[in-house]
Amino acid sequence: MSETASPQPRVLIVAFQGWSDAGDATTEVLQHLGGLIDAEVLHVIGSEGYVDFQVHRPKLVFDSDGNRVLEWPDTRLYGTVQRPGEEAAAPRPDEETLRRIDGSPVTDLLLLAGVEPARDWQNFADEIVELIDVWGVDTVVILGAMFSDAPHSRPIAVSVSTESAERRAETGAVRSSYEGPVGIATVVDLALAQAGISAISLWAQVPHYVHSAPSPKATLALLDKLEELLDIVIPRGELLVQANEWEANINRIAAADEDMSRYIRGLEESRDEAMAAEATGDALALEFEKFLEGGSRGADQTGPSEADLTGDPDDHDDDADPEQR
């Protein structure tokens, strides 16, 4: 870790292949971001003792010298390398790269990618906590995606949760109330909280009836939330085209299958009703708040207050618990 204070908050985005990666949505996010920042491997958590190699087998590949080598399913930390004596090239105006709202480049983004371990989860989580401390990470974002009764034709719902009351106040996230089986993402999340490191979890709901194919629409939904959370601009590349093709392909398949079409229509109606009820509830709460504010101002004040004009009810687009993983 550099002794020089970073000019920007150092952000780590974490995702694991396996149970918490429905539709390959989270690993595709990391691959997309890694390509935008020309990420290189900075650190490796070895898979030996953690991963079941009969499930995630090592691969035989040729290295740059033509030698046959084994590529193990390790957990790798990626980031942009600034080598001594090298000047960071300023991005071209038309170059696809991560930028902040003011146009400046994002220089301190780290990515942690791996497969969900088969054993020793607590020790694995401890290694990640130590890694975060060594690299001076300021913000940790854990990505997850779960299969859900969600229609492919509606926006992908993404929930935002955190154990930190301070981060909830800053971001509008909620604290998960889920109880039940969990994956490695939750184990890491709680290990970070116990170490005094606040992490934010983003979970996308992926339509369960298209589980055999990657879901670029869910990847886009997670990128949208990351943009909002981190105040950065993320070029989408080909993802928009891929998401449109993904949805069109499902539409074609459903059009030829009446049972599937009927099932999807039911999901759409349920989602629309839930969204309408949620919106109505928010509207009623806002009206009640206005009523209380009006009463406290007195009968001689009949005009709207500044709070009435600027108040905006929270818009939560998820209809399932964020931590059903």
C-alpha atoms as a PDB file:
ATOM      1  CA  MET A   1       0.000   0.000   0.000  1.00  0.00           C
ATOM      2  CA  SER A   2       1.312   3.413  -0.908  1.00  0.00           C
ATOM      3  CA  GLU A   3       2.314   5.779   1.888  1.00  0.00           C
ATOM      4  CA  THR A   4       0.814   8.672  -0.091  1.00  0.00           C
ATOM      5  CA  ALA A   5      -2.786   9.465   0.702  1.00  0.00           C
ATOM      6  CA  SER A   6      -5.079   8.643  -2.175  1.00  0.00           C
ATOM      7  CA  PRO A   7      -6.737  11.688  -3.804  1.00  0.00           C
ATOM      8  CA  GLN A   8      -9.914   9.639  -4.260  1.00  0.00           C
ATOM      9  CA  PRO A   9     -11.669   7.140  -1.986  1.00  0.00           C
ATOM     10  CA  ARG A  10     -10.394   3.639  -2.672  1.00  0.00           C
ATOM     11  CA  VAL A  11     -13.334   1.422  -3.606  1.00  0.00           C
ATOM     12  CA  LEU A  12     -13.350  -2.380  -3.680  1.00  0.00           C
ATOM     13  CA  ILE A  13     -16.076  -4.228  -5.593  1.00  0.00           C
ATOM     14  CA  VAL A  14     -16.458  -7.918  -4.708  1.00  0.00           C
ATOM     15  CA  ALA A  15     -18.244 -10.750  -6.533  1.00  0.00           C
ATOM     16  CA  PHE A  16     -18.105 -14.551  -6.433  1.00  0.00           C
ATOM     17  CA  GLN A  17     -19.079 -17.168  -8.983  1.00  0.00           C
ATOM     18  CA  GLY A  18     -21.622 -19.659  -7.690  1.00  0.00           C
ATOM     19  CA  TRP A  19     -24.819 -19.351  -5.704  1.00  0.00           C
ATOM     20  CA  SER A  20     -24.712 -15.541  -5.525  1.00  0.00           C
ATOM     21  CA  ASP A  21     -24.085 -15.068  -9.269  1.00  0.00           C
ATOM     22  CA  ALA A  22     -27.434 -15.830 -10.919  1.00  0.00           C
ATOM     23  CA  GLY A  23     -27.290 -15.234 -14.653  1.00  0.00           C
ATOM     24  CA  ASP A  24     -23.536 -14.518 -14.375  1.00  0.00           C
ATOM     25  CA  ALA A  25     -24.648 -10.972 -13.570  1.00  0.00           C
ATOM     26  CA  THR A  26     -22.047 -10.114 -10.934  1.00  0.00           C
ATOM     27  CA  THR A  27     -18.990 -11.660 -12.577  1.00  0.00           C
ATOM     28  CA  GLU A  28     -19.931  -9.908 -15.818  1.00  0.00           C
ATOM     29  CA  VAL A  29     -19.941  -6.610 -13.907  1.00  0.00           C
ATOM     30  CA  LEU A  30     -16.367  -7.218 -12.743  1.00  0.00           C
ATOM     31  CA  GLN A  31     -15.221  -8.246 -16.224  1.00  0.00           C
ATOM     32  CA  HIS A  32     -16.802  -5.139 -17.716  1.00  0.00           C
ATOM     33  CA  LEU A  33     -15.217  -2.818 -15.136  1.00  0.00           C
ATOM     34  CA  GLY A  34     -11.868  -4.586 -15.388  1.00  0.00           C
ATOM     35  CA  GLY A  35     -11.758  -3.940 -19.119  1.00  0.00           C
ATOM     36  CA  LEU A  36     -12.518  -0.245 -18.608  1.00  0.00           C
ATOM     37  CA  ILE A  37      -9.634   0.288 -16.170  1.00  0.00           C
ATOM     38  CA  ASP A  38      -7.090  -2.108 -17.789  1.00  0.00           C
ATOM     39  CA  ALA A  39      -6.975  -4.055 -14.529  1.00  0.00           C
ATOM     40  CA  GLU A  40      -4.020  -6.261 -13.611  1.00  0.00           C
ATOM     41  CA  VAL A  41      -3.661  -8.857 -10.857  1.00  0.00           C
ATOM     42  CA  LEU A  42      -2.414  -7.253  -7.642  1.00  0.00           C
ATOM     43  CA  HIS A  43      -2.848 -10.084  -5.146  1.00  0.00           C
ATOM     44  CA  VAL A  44      -3.954 -13.735  -5.105  1.00  0.00           C
ATOM     45  CA  ILE A  45      -5.760 -15.702  -2.388  1.00  0.00           C
ATOM     46  CA  GLY A  46      -4.818 -19.279  -3.253  1.00  0.00           C
ATOM     47  CA  SER A  47      -7.615 -21.755  -3.852  1.00  0.00           C
ATOM     48  CA  GLU A  48      -5.852 -24.644  -2.100  1.00  0.00           C
ATOM     49  CA  GLY A  49      -7.841 -25.591   1.013  1.00  0.00           C
ATOM     50  CA  TYR A  50     -10.863 -23.498  -0.005  1.00  0.00           C
ATOM     51  CA  VAL A  51     -12.099 -24.704  -3.391  1.00  0.00           C
ATOM     52  CA  ASP A  52     -13.364 -28.159  -4.373  1.00  0.00           C
ATOM     53  CA  PHE A  53     -11.313 -28.863  -7.496  1.00  0.00           C
ATOM     54  CA  GLN A  54     -13.761 -31.523  -8.674  1.00  0.00           C
ATOM     55  CA  VAL A  55     -16.345 -28.731  -8.949  1.00  0.00           C
ATOM     56  CA  HIS A  56     -14.030 -25.940 -10.136  1.00  0.00           C
ATOM     57  CA  ARG A  57     -11.221 -27.723 -11.927  1.00  0.00           C
ATOM     58  CA  PRO A  58      -7.894 -26.028 -12.684  1.00  0.00           C
ATOM     59  CA  LYS A  59      -7.342 -25.272 -16.374  1.00  0.00           C
ATOM     60  CA  LEU A  60      -4.345 -26.105 -18.538  1.00  0.00           C
ATOM     61  CA  VAL A  61      -3.224 -23.088 -20.573  1.00  0.00           C
ATOM     62  CA  PHE A  62      -0.188 -21.871 -22.513  1.00  0.00           C
ATOM     63  CA  ASP A  63       1.659 -18.891 -21.069  1.00  0.00           C
ATOM     64  CA  SER A  64       3.284 -16.069 -23.066  1.00  0.00           C
ATOM     65  CA  ASP A  65       6.424 -18.195 -23.548  1.00  0.00           C
ATOM     66  CA  GLY A  66       4.480 -21.158 -24.897  1.00  0.00           C
ATOM     67  CA  ASN A  67       4.842 -23.266 -21.741  1.00  0.00           C
ATOM     68  CA  ARG A  68       1.954 -25.366 -20.450  1.00  0.00           C
ATOM     69  CA  VAL A  69       0.864 -24.114 -17.022  1.00  0.00           C
ATOM     70  CA  LEU A  70      -2.032 -24.688 -14.655  1.00  0.00           C
ATOM     71  CA  GLU A  71      -4.489 -21.885 -13.992  1.00  0.00           C
ATOM     72  CA  TRP A  72      -6.048 -22.434 -10.569  1.00  0.00           C
ATOM     73  CA  PRO A  73      -9.463 -21.108  -9.500  1.00  0.00           C
ATOM     74  CA  ASP A  74      -7.905 -18.577  -7.123  1.00  0.00           C
ATOM     75  CA  THR A  75      -9.498 -15.413  -5.784  1.00  0.00           C
ATOM     76  CA  ARG A  76      -7.743 -12.460  -7.371  1.00  0.00           C
ATOM     77  CA  LEU A  77      -7.539  -8.778  -6.529  1.00  0.00           C
ATOM     78  CA  TYR A  78      -7.381  -6.583  -9.635  1.00  0.00           C
ATOM     79  CA  GLY A  79      -6.575  -2.933 -10.097  1.00  0.00           C
ATOM     80  CA  THR A  80      -4.754  -0.399 -12.230  1.00  0.00           C
ATOM     81  CA  VAL A  81      -0.989  -0.536 -11.772  1.00  0.00           C
ATOM     82  CA  GLN A  82       0.963   2.751 -11.606  1.00  0.00           C
ATOM     83  CA  ARG A  83       4.600   1.764 -12.101  1.00  0.00           C
ATOM     84  CA  PRO A  84       7.452   3.982 -10.810  1.00  0.00           C
ATOM     85  CA  GLY A  85       8.573   6.503 -13.386  1.00  0.00           C
ATOM     86  CA  GLU A  86       5.485   6.084 -15.539  1.00  0.00           C
ATOM     87  CA  GLU A  87       3.170   9.016 -16.051  1.00  0.00           C
ATOM     88  CA  ALA A  88      -0.522   8.185 -16.082  1.00  0.00           C
ATOM     89  CA  ALA A  89      -1.825   9.026 -19.546  1.00  0.00           C
ATOM     90  CA  ALA A  90      -4.817  11.348 -19.559  1.00  0.00           C
ATOM     91  CA  PRO A  91      -7.852   9.634 -21.118  1.00  0.00           C
ATOM     92  CA  ARG A  92      -8.970  10.883 -24.513  1.00  0.00           C
ATOM     93  CA  PRO A  93     -12.366  12.624 -24.593  1.00  0.00           C
ATOM     94  CA  ASP A  94     -13.835   9.786 -26.678  1.00  0.00           C
ATOM     95  CA  GLU A  95     -12.181   6.984 -24.718  1.00  0.00           C
ATOM     96  CA  GLU A  96     -14.447   4.544 -22.857  1.00  0.00           C
ATOM     97  CA  THR A  97     -13.225   4.640 -19.290  1.00  0.00           C
ATOM     98  CA  LEU A  98     -14.582   5.242 -15.810  1.00  0.00           C
ATOM     99  CA  ARG A  99     -15.048   8.898 -14.962  1.00  0.00           C
ATOM    100  CA  ARG A 100     -16.408  10.931 -12.121  1.00  0.00           C
ATOM    101  CA  ILE A 101     -19.299  13.332 -12.580  1.00  0.00           C
ATOM    102  CA  ASP A 102     -16.838  16.204 -13.081  1.00  0.00           C
ATOM    103  CA  GLY A 103     -15.103  14.309 -15.906  1.00  0.00           C
ATOM    104  CA  SER A 104     -11.982  13.311 -13.971  1.00  0.00           C
ATOM    105  CA  PRO A 105     -10.851   9.673 -14.299  1.00  0.00           C
ATOM    106  CA  VAL A 106     -11.525   7.081 -11.594  1.00  0.00           C
ATOM    107  CA  THR A 107      -8.071   6.058 -10.404  1.00  0.00           C
ATOM    108  CA  ASP A 108      -8.593   3.979  -7.265  1.00  0.00           C
ATOM    109  CA  LEU A 109     -10.991   1.148  -8.069  1.00  0.00           C
ATOM    110  CA  LEU A 110     -10.157  -2.413  -7.009  1.00  0.00           C
ATOM    111  CA  LEU A 111     -11.980  -5.599  -8.016  1.00  0.00           C
ATOM    112  CA  LEU A 112     -12.027  -8.901  -6.101  1.00  0.00           C
ATOM    113  CA  ALA A 113     -13.184 -11.914  -8.124  1.00  0.00           C
ATOM    114  CA  GLY A 114     -13.276 -15.612  -7.289  1.00  0.00           C
ATOM    115  CA  VAL A 115     -15.458 -18.684  -6.905  1.00  0.00           C
ATOM    116  CA  GLU A 116     -17.504 -19.447  -3.815  1.00  0.00           C
ATOM    117  CA  PRO A 117     -15.304 -21.662  -1.589  1.00  0.00           C
ATOM    118  CA  ALA A 118     -16.418 -25.148  -0.612  1.00  0.00           C
ATOM    119  CA  ARG A 119     -14.916 -25.030   2.891  1.00  0.00           C
ATOM    120  CA  ASP A 120     -13.245 -22.865   5.573  1.00  0.00           C
ATOM    121  CA  TRP A 121     -15.444 -19.860   4.879  1.00  0.00           C
ATOM    122  CA  GLN A 122     -14.464 -18.043   8.081  1.00  0.00           C
ATOM    123  CA  ASN A 123     -10.746 -18.260   7.330  1.00  0.00           C
ATOM    124  CA  PHE A 124     -11.438 -17.169   3.753  1.00  0.00           C
ATOM    125  CA  ALA A 125     -13.417 -14.152   4.991  1.00  0.00           C
ATOM    126  CA  ASP A 126     -10.607 -13.290   7.415  1.00  0.00           C
ATOM    127  CA  GLU A 127      -8.145 -13.212   4.511  1.00  0.00           C
ATOM    128  CA  ILE A 128     -10.384 -10.752   2.691  1.00  0.00           C
ATOM    129  CA  VAL A 129     -10.677  -8.549   5.794  1.00  0.00           C
ATOM    130  CA  GLU A 130      -6.880  -8.487   6.063  1.00  0.00           C
ATOM    131  CA  LEU A 131      -6.544  -7.720   2.358  1.00  0.00           C
ATOM    132  CA  ILE A 132      -8.904  -4.753   2.666  1.00  0.00           C
ATOM    133  CA  ASP A 133      -6.887  -3.404   5.580  1.00  0.00           C
ATOM    134  CA  VAL A 134      -3.544  -3.795   3.767  1.00  0.00           C
ATOM    135  CA  TRP A 135      -4.779  -2.016   0.647  1.00  0.00           C
ATOM    136  CA  GLY A 136      -6.379   0.844   2.565  1.00  0.00           C
ATOM    137  CA  VAL A 137      -9.849   0.360   1.104  1.00  0.00           C
ATOM    138  CA  ASP A 138     -12.372   3.059   2.030  1.00  0.00           C
ATOM    139  CA  THR A 139     -15.579   1.593   0.568  1.00  0.00           C
ATOM    140  CA  VAL A 140     -16.540  -2.054  -0.063  1.00  0.00           C
ATOM    141  CA  VAL A 141     -19.397  -2.993  -2.380  1.00  0.00           C
ATOM    142  CA  ILE A 142     -20.465  -6.658  -2.470  1.00  0.00           C
ATOM    143  CA  LEU A 143     -22.434  -7.764  -5.526  1.00  0.00           C
ATOM    144  CA  GLY A 144     -25.001 -10.550  -5.611  1.00  0.00           C
ATOM    145  CA  ALA A 145     -27.671 -11.855  -7.967  1.00  0.00           C
ATOM    146  CA  MET A 146     -30.421 -14.341  -7.143  1.00  0.00           C
ATOM    147  CA  PHE A 147     -33.047 -16.141  -9.185  1.00  0.00           C
ATOM    148  CA  SER A 148     -36.472 -14.750  -8.400  1.00  0.00           C
ATOM    149  CA  ASP A 149     -40.098 -14.686  -9.550  1.00  0.00           C
ATOM    150  CA  ALA A 150     -39.268 -11.618 -11.616  1.00  0.00           C
ATOM    151  CA  PRO A 151     -40.559 -10.968 -15.144  1.00  0.00           C
ATOM    152  CA  HIS A 152     -37.850 -10.419 -17.760  1.00  0.00           C
ATOM    153  CA  SER A 153     -39.925  -7.672 -19.398  1.00  0.00           C
ATOM    154  CA  ARG A 154     -39.804  -5.344 -16.381  1.00  0.00           C
ATOM    155  CA  PRO A 155     -36.826  -3.424 -14.949  1.00  0.00           C
ATOM    156  CA  ILE A 156     -34.506  -5.681 -12.943  1.00  0.00           C
ATOM    157  CA  ALA A 157     -34.971  -4.902  -9.260  1.00  0.00           C
ATOM    158  CA  VAL A 158     -31.764  -4.234  -7.299  1.00  0.00           C
ATOM    159  CA  SER A 159     -31.815  -3.947  -3.520  1.00  0.00           C
ATOM    160  CA  VAL A 160     -29.228  -2.005  -1.497  1.00  0.00           C
ATOM    161  CA  SER A 161     -28.478  -3.047   2.079  1.00  0.00           C
ATOM    162  CA  THR A 162     -25.814  -2.494   4.730  1.00  0.00           C
ATOM    163  CA  GLU A 163     -25.195  -3.231   8.394  1.00  0.00           C
ATOM    164  CA  SER A 164     -23.900   0.319   8.926  1.00  0.00           C
ATOM    165  CA  ALA A 165     -26.430   2.857  10.211  1.00  0.00           C
ATOM    166  CA  GLU A 166     -24.164   5.639   8.950  1.00  0.00           C
ATOM    167  CA  ARG A 167     -24.052   4.226   5.435  1.00  0.00           C
ATOM    168  CA  ARG A 168     -27.820   3.711   5.481  1.00  0.00           C
ATOM    169  CA  ALA A 169     -28.261   7.395   6.252  1.00  0.00           C
ATOM    170  CA  GLU A 170     -25.827   8.367   3.496  1.00  0.00           C
ATOM    171  CA  THR A 171     -27.125   6.094   0.751  1.00  0.00           C
ATOM    172  CA  GLY A 172     -30.757   5.304   1.548  1.00  0.00           C
ATOM    173  CA  ALA A 173     -29.878   1.621   1.899  1.00  0.00           C
ATOM    174  CA  VAL A 174     -31.793  -0.629   4.290  1.00  0.00           C
ATOM    175  CA  ARG A 175     -30.749  -3.217   6.834  1.00  0.00           C
ATOM    176  CA  SER A 176     -31.673  -6.702   5.686  1.00  0.00           C
ATOM    177  CA  SER A 177     -34.177  -8.574   7.852  1.00  0.00           C
ATOM    178  CA  TYR A 178     -33.572 -11.922   6.126  1.00  0.00           C
ATOM    179  CA  GLU A 179     -33.051 -15.092   8.193  1.00  0.00           C
ATOM    180  CA  GLY A 180     -32.076 -18.360   6.500  1.00  0.00           C
ATOM    181  CA  PRO A 181     -29.316 -20.026   4.465  1.00  0.00           C
ATOM    182  CA  VAL A 182     -26.657 -17.688   3.062  1.00  0.00           C
ATOM    183  CA  GLY A 183     -23.694 -17.723   0.703  1.00  0.00           C
ATOM    184  CA  ILE A 184     -20.093 -16.567   1.001  1.00  0.00           C
ATOM    185  CA  ALA A 185     -21.082 -12.985   0.136  1.00  0.00           C
ATOM    186  CA  THR A 186     -23.028 -12.709   3.404  1.00  0.00           C
ATOM    187  CA  VAL A 187     -20.236 -14.340   5.418  1.00  0.00           C
ATOM    188  CA  VAL A 188     -17.773 -11.780   4.051  1.00  0.00           C
ATOM    189  CA  ASP A 189     -20.253  -8.946   4.660  1.00  0.00           C
ATOM    190  CA  LEU A 190     -20.683  -9.842   8.334  1.00  0.00           C
ATOM    191  CA  ALA A 191     -16.943 -10.444   8.813  1.00  0.00           C
ATOM    192  CA  LEU A 192     -16.307  -6.929   7.524  1.00  0.00           C
ATOM    193  CA  ALA A 193     -18.953  -5.482   9.849  1.00  0.00           C
ATOM    194  CA  GLN A 194     -17.373  -7.239  12.843  1.00  0.00           C
ATOM    195  CA  ALA A 195     -14.002  -5.768  11.841  1.00  0.00           C
ATOM    196  CA  GLY A 196     -15.497  -2.272  11.750  1.00  0.00           C
ATOM    197  CA  ILE A 197     -15.487  -2.072   7.937  1.00  0.00           C
ATOM    198  CA  SER A 198     -18.824  -1.011   6.501  1.00  0.00           C
ATOM    199  CA  ALA A 199     -19.813  -2.759   3.281  1.00  0.00           C
ATOM    200  CA  ILE A 200     -22.777  -2.149   1.020  1.00  0.00           C
ATOM    201  CA  SER A 201     -24.496  -5.082  -0.710  1.00  0.00           C
ATOM    202  CA  LEU A 202     -26.247  -4.831  -4.080  1.00  0.00           C
ATOM    203  CA  TRP A 203     -28.511  -7.741  -5.049  1.00  0.00           C
ATOM    204  CA  ALA A 204     -30.211  -8.123  -8.418  1.00  0.00           C
ATOM    205  CA  GLN A 205     -33.311 -10.260  -9.006  1.00  0.00           C
ATOM    206  CA  VAL A 206     -32.872 -12.431 -12.121  1.00  0.00           C
ATOM    207  CA  PRO A 207     -35.855 -14.185 -13.788  1.00  0.00           C
ATOM    208  CA  HIS A 208     -35.594 -17.823 -12.735  1.00  0.00           C
ATOM    209  CA  TYR A 209     -37.146 -19.202 -15.937  1.00  0.00           C
ATOM    210  CA  VAL A 210     -34.089 -18.146 -18.007  1.00  0.00           C
ATOM    211  CA  HIS A 211     -31.502 -19.585 -15.640  1.00  0.00           C
ATOM    212  CA  SER A 212     -29.472 -21.332 -18.352  1.00  0.00           C
ATOM    213  CA  ALA A 213     -28.320 -18.120 -20.045  1.00  0.00           C
ATOM    214  CA  PRO A 214     -26.330 -15.082 -18.844  1.00  0.00           C
ATOM    215  CA  SER A 215     -28.461 -12.055 -18.043  1.00  0.00           C
ATOM    216  CA  PRO A 216     -26.931  -8.831 -19.431  1.00  0.00           C
ATOM    217  CA  LYS A 217     -30.032  -6.937 -18.289  1.00  0.00           C
ATOM    218  CA  ALA A 218     -29.213  -7.806 -14.664  1.00  0.00           C
ATOM    219  CA  THR A 219     -25.589  -6.795 -15.238  1.00  0.00           C
ATOM    220  CA  LEU A 220     -26.802  -3.423 -16.508  1.00  0.00           C
ATOM    221  CA  ALA A 221     -29.059  -2.993 -13.476  1.00  0.00           C
ATOM    222  CA  LEU A 222     -26.108  -3.550 -11.125  1.00  0.00           C
ATOM    223  CA  LEU A 223     -23.984  -1.077 -13.110  1.00  0.00           C
ATOM    224  CA  ASP A 224     -26.795   1.482 -12.840  1.00  0.00           C
ATOM    225  CA  LYS A 225     -26.807   1.136  -9.042  1.00  0.00           C
ATOM    226  CA  LEU A 226     -23.005   1.342  -8.886  1.00  0.00           C
ATOM    227  CA  GLU A 227     -23.096   4.590 -10.861  1.00  0.00           C
ATOM    228  CA  GLU A 228     -25.653   6.024  -8.468  1.00  0.00           C
ATOM    229  CA  LEU A 229     -23.845   4.797  -5.363  1.00  0.00           C
ATOM    230  CA  LEU A 230     -20.317   5.860  -6.332  1.00  0.00           C
ATOM    231  CA  ASP A 231     -21.170   9.018  -8.337  1.00  0.00           C
ATOM    232  CA  ILE A 232     -19.286   7.801 -11.398  1.00  0.00           C
ATOM    233  CA  VAL A 233     -20.043   7.341 -15.089  1.00  0.00           C
ATOM    234  CA  ILE A 234     -19.685   3.793 -16.446  1.00  0.00           C
ATOM    235  CA  PRO A 235     -19.725   3.284 -20.235  1.00  0.00           C
ATOM    236  CA  ARG A 236     -21.995   0.360 -21.111  1.00  0.00           C
ATOM    237  CA  GLY A 237     -20.294  -0.765 -24.330  1.00  0.00           C
ATOM    238  CA  GLU A 238     -22.231  -3.582 -26.000  1.00  0.00           C
ATOM    239  CA  LEU A 239     -24.256  -4.422 -22.899  1.00  0.00           C
ATOM    240  CA  LEU A 240     -27.288  -2.389 -23.989  1.00  0.00           C
ATOM    241  CA  VAL A 241     -27.454  -4.232 -27.303  1.00  0.00           C
ATOM    242  CA  GLN A 242     -26.943  -7.572 -25.568  1.00  0.00           C
ATOM    243  CA  ALA A 243     -29.697  -6.822 -23.035  1.00  0.00           C
ATOM    244  CA  ASN A 244     -32.156  -5.910 -25.800  1.00  0.00           C
ATOM    245  CA  GLU A 245     -31.311  -9.114 -27.676  1.00  0.00           C
ATOM    246  CA  TRP A 246     -31.676 -11.148 -24.464  1.00  0.00           C
ATOM    247  CA  GLU A 247     -35.170  -9.763 -23.860  1.00  0.00           C
ATOM    248  CA  ALA A 248     -36.194 -10.155 -27.521  1.00  0.00           C
ATOM    249  CA  ASN A 249     -35.047 -13.804 -27.556  1.00  0.00           C
ATOM    250  CA  ILE A 250     -37.116 -14.586 -24.458  1.00  0.00           C
ATOM    251  CA  ASN A 251     -40.104 -12.852 -26.038  1.00  0.00           C
ATOM    252  CA  ARG A 252     -39.770 -15.039 -29.145  1.00  0.00           C
ATOM    253  CA  ILE A 253     -39.560 -18.217 -27.081  1.00  0.00           C
ATOM    254  CA  ALA A 254     -42.553 -17.201 -24.954  1.00  0.00           C
ATOM    255  CA  ALA A 255     -44.619 -16.327 -28.036  1.00  0.00           C
ATOM    256  CA  ALA A 256     -44.349 -19.940 -29.161  1.00  0.00           C
ATOM    257  CA  ASP A 257     -45.280 -21.370 -25.747  1.00  0.00           C
ATOM    258  CA  GLU A 258     -48.711 -20.414 -24.399  1.00  0.00           C
ATOM    259  CA  ASP A 259     -48.007 -21.847 -20.931  1.00  0.00           C
ATOM    260  CA  MET A 260     -44.839 -19.782 -20.645  1.00  0.00           C
ATOM    261  CA  SER A 261     -46.619 -16.667 -21.934  1.00  0.00           C
ATOM    262  CA  ARG A 262     -49.397 -17.117 -19.395  1.00  0.00           C
ATOM    263  CA  TYR A 263     -46.875 -17.595 -16.595  1.00  0.00           C
ATOM    264  CA  ILE A 264     -44.944 -14.459 -17.578  1.00  0.00           C
ATOM    265  CA  ARG A 265     -48.158 -12.416 -17.766  1.00  0.00           C
ATOM    266  CA  GLY A 266     -48.937 -13.502 -14.217  1.00  0.00           C
ATOM    267  CA  LEU A 267     -45.488 -12.361 -13.055  1.00  0.00           C
ATOM    268  CA  GLU A 268     -45.945  -9.038 -14.839  1.00  0.00           C
ATOM    269  CA  GLU A 269     -49.313  -8.445 -13.194  1.00  0.00           C
ATOM    270  CA  SER A 270     -47.922  -9.296  -9.767  1.00  0.00           C
ATOM    271  CA  ARG A 271     -44.947  -6.968 -10.238  1.00  0.00           C
ATOM    272  CA  ASP A 272     -47.119  -4.126 -11.543  1.00  0.00           C
ATOM    273  CA  GLU A 273     -49.586  -4.505  -8.663  1.00  0.00           C
ATOM    274  CA  ALA A 274     -46.749  -4.524  -6.127  1.00  0.00           C
ATOM    275  CA  MET A 275     -45.205  -1.410  -7.656  1.00  0.00           C
ATOM    276  CA  ALA A 276     -48.585   0.361  -7.735  1.00  0.00           C
ATOM    277  CA  ALA A 277     -49.325  -0.539  -4.109  1.00  0.00           C
ATOM    278  CA  GLU A 278     -45.866   0.607  -3.050  1.00  0.00           C
ATOM    279  CA  ALA A 279     -46.240   3.890  -4.911  1.00  0.00           C
ATOM    280  CA  THR A 280     -49.691   4.429  -3.375  1.00  0.00           C
ATOM    281  CA  GLY A 281     -48.309   3.726   0.088  1.00  0.00           C
ATOM    282  CA  ASP A 282     -45.507   6.238  -0.410  1.00  0.00           C
ATOM    283  CA  ALA A 283     -47.983   8.828  -1.679  1.00  0.00           C
ATOM    284  CA  LEU A 284     -50.275   8.349   1.331  1.00  0.00           C
ATOM    285  CA  ALA A 285     -47.324   8.627   3.704  1.00  0.00           C
ATOM    286  CA  LEU A 286     -46.246  11.854   2.039  1.00  0.00           C
ATOM    287  CA  GLU A 287     -49.770  13.311   2.242  1.00  0.00           C
ATOM    288  CA  PHE A 288     -49.947  12.408   5.931  1.00  0.00           C
ATOM    289  CA  GLU A 289     -46.586  14.096   6.488  1.00  0.00           C
ATOM    290  CA  LYS A 290     -47.868  17.216   4.720  1.00  0.00           C
ATOM    291  CA  PHE A 291     -50.977  17.162   6.916  1.00  0.00           C
ATOM    292  CA  LEU A 292     -48.887  17.046  10.095  1.00  0.00           C
ATOM    293  CA  GLU A 293     -46.606  19.828   8.837  1.00  0.00           C
ATOM    294  CA  GLY A 294     -49.646  21.940   7.927  1.00  0.00           C
ATOM    295  CA  GLY A 295     -51.130  21.484  11.393  1.00  0.00           C
ATOM    296  CA  SER A 296     -47.898  22.528  13.086  1.00  0.00           C
ATOM    297  CA  ARG A 297     -47.713  25.720  10.983  1.00  0.00           C
ATOM    298  CA  GLY A 298     -51.121  26.913  12.133  1.00  0.00           C
ATOM    299  CA  ALA A 299     -54.376  27.794  10.412  1.00  0.00           C
ATOM    300  CA  ASP A 300     -53.119  31.145   9.168  1.00  0.00           C
ATOM    301  CA  GLN A 301     -50.577  29.489   6.868  1.00  0.00           C
ATOM    302  CA  THR A 302     -52.320  27.927   3.942  1.00  0.00           C
ATOM    303  CA  GLY A 303     -49.522  27.875   1.363  1.00  0.00           C
ATOM    304  CA  PRO A 304     -47.148  24.941   0.874  1.00  0.00           C
ATOM    305  CA  SER A 305     -43.923  24.862   2.838  1.00  0.00           C
ATOM    306  CA  GLU A 306     -40.480  24.366   1.300  1.00  0.00           C
ATOM    307  CA  ALA A 307     -40.588  20.754   2.509  1.00  0.00           C
ATOM    308  CA  ASP A 308     -43.882  20.282   0.647  1.00  0.00           C
ATOM    309  CA  LEU A 309     -42.332  21.551  -2.571  1.00  0.00           C
ATOM    310  CA  THR A 310     -39.078  19.613  -2.363  1.00  0.00           C
ATOM    311  CA  GLY A 311     -40.121  16.452  -0.524  1.00  0.00           C
ATOM    312  CA  ASP A 312     -39.774  13.248  -2.543  1.00  0.00           C
ATOM    313  CA  PRO A 313     -40.864   9.845  -1.248  1.00  0.00           C
ATOM    314  CA  ASP A 314     -38.275   7.072  -1.347  1.00  0.00           C
ATOM    315  CA  ASP A 315     -38.545   4.896  -4.421  1.00  0.00           C
ATOM    316  CA  HIS A 316     -37.723   1.285  -3.594  1.00  0.00           C
ATOM    317  CA  ASP A 317     -37.965  -0.845  -6.717  1.00  0.00           C
ATOM    318  CA  ASP A 318     -37.347  -4.222  -5.100  1.00  0.00           C
ATOM    319  CA  ASP A 319     -40.153  -6.538  -4.073  1.00  0.00           C
ATOM    320  CA  ALA A 320     -38.117  -9.241  -2.406  1.00  0.00           C
ATOM    321  CA  ASP A 321     -35.741  -9.333   0.534  1.00  0.00           C
ATOM    322  CA  PRO A 322     -32.214  -8.370  -0.565  1.00  0.00           C
ATOM    323  CA  GLU A 323     -30.490 -11.210   1.205  1.00  0.00           C
ATOM    324  CA  GLN A 324     -32.302 -14.341   0.030  1.00  0.00           C
ATOM    325  CA  ARG A 325     -29.084 -15.963  -0.959  1.00  0.00           C
END
